[in-house]
N, C-alpha and C. Protein backbone atom coordinates (compact mmCIF):
# COMPACT_ATOMS: atom_id res chain seq x y z
N UNK A 1 1.32 -1.31 -0.04
CA UNK A 1 -0.14 -0.09 0.38
C UNK A 1 0.82 1.28 -0.27
N UNK A 2 2.05 1.12 0.89
CA UNK A 2 3.08 2.23 0.74
C UNK A 2 3.35 2.53 -0.59
N UNK A 3 4.09 1.75 -1.36
CA UNK A 3 3.88 2.71 -2.96
C UNK A 3 2.58 2.81 -3.81
N UNK A 4 1.61 2.49 -3.49
CA UNK A 4 0.07 2.90 -4.15
C UNK A 4 0.51 4.47 -3.79
N UNK A 5 0.82 4.53 -1.96
CA UNK A 5 0.42 5.88 -1.80
C UNK A 5 1.58 7.14 -2.51
N UNK A 6 2.76 6.50 -2.34
CA UNK A 6 3.92 6.95 -2.68
C UNK A 6 3.66 7.01 -4.86
N UNK A 7 3.53 6.54 -5.41
CA UNK A 7 2.81 6.44 -6.57
C UNK A 7 1.86 7.98 -6.89
N UNK A 8 1.18 7.67 -6.27
CA UNK A 8 -0.17 8.94 -6.18
C UNK A 8 0.62 10.04 -5.50
N UNK A 9 1.45 10.33 -4.94
CA UNK A 9 1.59 11.34 -4.19
C UNK A 9 2.30 11.73 -5.50
N UNK A 10 3.50 10.86 -6.55
CA UNK A 10 3.90 11.95 -7.78
C UNK A 10 3.38 12.28 -8.38
N UNK A 11 1.72 11.22 -8.61
CA UNK A 11 1.16 11.79 -9.35
C UNK A 11 0.66 13.68 -9.60
N UNK A 12 -0.12 13.64 -8.35
CA UNK A 12 -0.42 14.75 -7.92
C UNK A 12 0.45 15.34 -7.68
N UNK A 13 2.48 15.83 -7.46
CA UNK A 13 3.05 17.02 -8.11
C UNK A 13 2.91 17.36 -9.55
N UNK A 14 2.93 15.95 -10.55
CA UNK A 14 3.38 15.86 -11.58
C UNK A 14 1.44 16.97 -12.27
N UNK A 15 0.21 16.40 -11.26
CA UNK A 15 -0.97 17.16 -12.09
C UNK A 15 -0.87 19.05 -11.74
N UNK A 16 -0.37 18.62 -10.07
CA UNK A 16 0.27 20.63 -9.97
C UNK A 16 0.61 21.47 -10.56
N UNK A 17 1.02 20.09 -11.68
CA UNK A 17 2.91 21.86 -12.40
C UNK A 17 1.62 21.90 -13.62
N UNK A 18 0.40 21.20 -14.04
CA UNK A 18 0.15 21.66 -15.21
C UNK A 18 -0.84 22.70 -15.12
N UNK A 19 -0.48 23.92 -16.17
CA UNK A 19 -1.53 24.96 -15.66
C UNK A 19 -3.23 24.88 -15.63
N UNK A 20 -3.77 23.82 -16.11
CA UNK A 20 -4.63 23.50 -16.90
C UNK A 20 -5.67 22.86 -15.70
N UNK A 21 -4.73 22.43 -14.74
CA UNK A 21 -5.33 21.30 -13.61
C UNK A 21 -6.39 22.29 -12.90
N UNK A 22 -7.15 22.02 -11.90
CA UNK A 22 -8.51 22.56 -11.42
C UNK A 22 -7.99 22.05 -10.06
N UNK A 23 -7.25 22.99 -9.19
CA UNK A 23 -6.85 22.98 -7.95
C UNK A 23 -8.01 22.92 -6.71
N UNK A 24 -9.08 22.81 -6.88
CA UNK A 24 -9.94 22.53 -6.37
C UNK A 24 -10.67 20.71 -6.66
N UNK A 25 -10.24 20.11 -7.69
CA UNK A 25 -9.60 18.45 -8.10
C UNK A 25 -8.74 18.49 -7.15
N UNK A 26 -7.81 18.69 -7.59
CA UNK A 26 -6.47 18.43 -6.82
C UNK A 26 -6.29 18.88 -5.34
N UNK A 27 -7.38 18.85 -4.33
CA UNK A 27 -7.45 19.49 -3.38
C UNK A 27 -8.30 17.80 -3.39
N UNK A 28 -9.13 17.97 -3.08
CA UNK A 28 -9.60 16.21 -3.34
C UNK A 28 -9.38 15.04 -3.73
N UNK A 29 -8.24 15.30 -4.46
CA UNK A 29 -7.91 13.92 -4.32
C UNK A 29 -6.46 14.14 -3.19
N UNK A 30 -6.36 14.95 -3.14
CA UNK A 30 -5.26 15.52 -1.42
C UNK A 30 -5.92 15.04 -0.47
N UNK A 31 -6.54 15.13 -0.37
CA UNK A 31 -7.91 15.05 0.80
C UNK A 31 -7.97 13.10 0.33
N UNK A 32 -8.01 12.09 -0.55
CA UNK A 32 -7.95 11.07 -0.35
C UNK A 32 -7.07 10.60 -0.32
N UNK A 33 -5.75 10.53 -1.02
CA UNK A 33 -4.34 10.37 -1.03
C UNK A 33 -3.65 10.20 0.14
N UNK A 34 -4.75 11.19 1.83
CA UNK A 34 -4.28 11.94 2.49
C UNK A 34 -4.53 10.87 3.87
N UNK A 35 -6.32 10.08 3.18
CA UNK A 35 -6.81 8.92 4.00
C UNK A 35 -6.37 8.17 4.10
N UNK A 36 -6.04 7.47 2.85
CA UNK A 36 -4.96 6.32 2.74
C UNK A 36 -3.75 6.38 2.95
N UNK A 37 -3.44 7.60 3.74
CA UNK A 37 -2.21 7.17 4.15
C UNK A 37 -2.42 7.62 5.18
N UNK A 38 -3.19 7.84 5.88
CA UNK A 38 -3.30 8.25 7.59
C UNK A 38 -3.69 6.49 7.87
N UNK A 39 -4.96 5.91 7.04
CA UNK A 39 -4.59 4.80 7.53
C UNK A 39 -3.60 3.98 7.59
N UNK A 40 -2.27 3.64 6.47
CA UNK A 40 -1.64 3.02 6.01
C UNK A 40 -0.17 2.99 7.00
N UNK A 41 -0.42 4.69 6.96
CA UNK A 41 1.64 5.06 7.58
C UNK A 41 1.45 6.12 8.20
N UNK A 42 1.74 6.40 9.08
CA UNK A 42 1.22 7.86 9.71
C UNK A 42 1.68 8.91 9.18
N UNK A 43 3.82 8.06 9.26
CA UNK A 43 4.34 9.60 8.80
C UNK A 43 4.62 9.39 7.45
N UNK A 44 4.13 9.31 6.71
CA UNK A 44 4.24 9.23 5.13
C UNK A 44 2.35 10.16 5.12
N UNK A 45 1.55 9.83 6.06
CA UNK A 45 0.62 10.91 6.26
C UNK A 45 1.22 12.34 6.57
N UNK A 46 1.99 12.33 7.50
CA UNK A 46 2.63 13.34 8.23
C UNK A 46 3.68 13.94 6.76
N UNK A 47 4.31 13.71 6.15
CA UNK A 47 5.03 14.05 4.90
C UNK A 47 3.96 15.02 4.23
N UNK A 48 2.75 14.23 3.93
CA UNK A 48 1.35 14.73 3.26
C UNK A 48 0.66 15.68 3.70
N UNK A 49 0.97 16.34 5.05
CA UNK A 49 0.61 17.50 5.11
C UNK A 49 1.41 18.71 4.44
N UNK A 50 2.80 18.77 4.73
CA UNK A 50 3.66 19.33 4.74
C UNK A 50 3.69 19.70 2.80
N UNK A 51 2.89 18.76 2.18
CA UNK A 51 3.07 18.87 1.09
C UNK A 51 1.09 19.66 0.45
N UNK A 52 0.96 19.18 1.32
CA UNK A 52 -0.63 20.22 1.50
C UNK A 52 -0.95 20.86 1.42
N UNK A 53 -0.02 21.91 2.52
CA UNK A 53 0.30 22.53 3.29
C UNK A 53 0.36 23.86 2.21
N UNK A 54 2.17 23.47 1.25
CA UNK A 54 2.58 24.62 0.63
C UNK A 54 2.00 24.29 -0.77
N UNK A 55 1.29 23.77 -0.45
CA UNK A 55 0.15 23.17 -2.11
C UNK A 55 -0.64 24.45 -2.70
N UNK A 56 -1.05 24.49 -0.96
CA UNK A 56 -2.47 25.54 -0.36
C UNK A 56 -1.28 26.77 -0.32
N UNK A 57 -0.81 27.04 0.04
CA UNK A 57 -0.12 28.35 0.15
C UNK A 57 0.28 29.24 -1.38
N UNK A 58 0.95 28.09 -2.39
CA UNK A 58 1.02 28.34 -3.64
C UNK A 58 -0.30 28.60 -4.30
N UNK A 59 -1.16 28.18 -4.69
CA UNK A 59 -2.92 28.28 -5.09
C UNK A 59 -3.41 29.31 -4.65
N UNK A 60 -3.21 30.20 -3.29
CA UNK A 60 -3.55 31.64 -2.62
C UNK A 60 -3.07 31.94 -2.86
N UNK A 61 -1.36 32.09 -2.96
CA UNK A 61 -1.01 32.91 -3.74
C UNK A 61 -1.05 33.94 -5.27
N UNK A 62 -1.46 32.25 -6.76
CA UNK A 62 -1.62 32.50 -7.58
C UNK A 62 -3.08 33.13 -7.56
N UNK A 63 -4.07 33.03 -6.41
CA UNK A 63 -5.62 33.35 -6.75
C UNK A 63 -5.52 34.72 -6.12
N UNK A 64 -4.38 35.20 -5.21
CA UNK A 64 -4.78 37.01 -5.27
C UNK A 64 -4.66 37.99 -6.36
């Protein structure tokens, strides 16, 4: 399951780089990814929180 979470994290990172990707959809994907990680590995879930925070900051900077 950890491999799945790590691969999904890579996909989300690449999707974030796309100009046409919707940040609302990305937030839903991140929430699902976090829930999966939390049930499997708390350390990975904690690292995802940091990533989610960074992406949210970037999104708020772009929208302002």
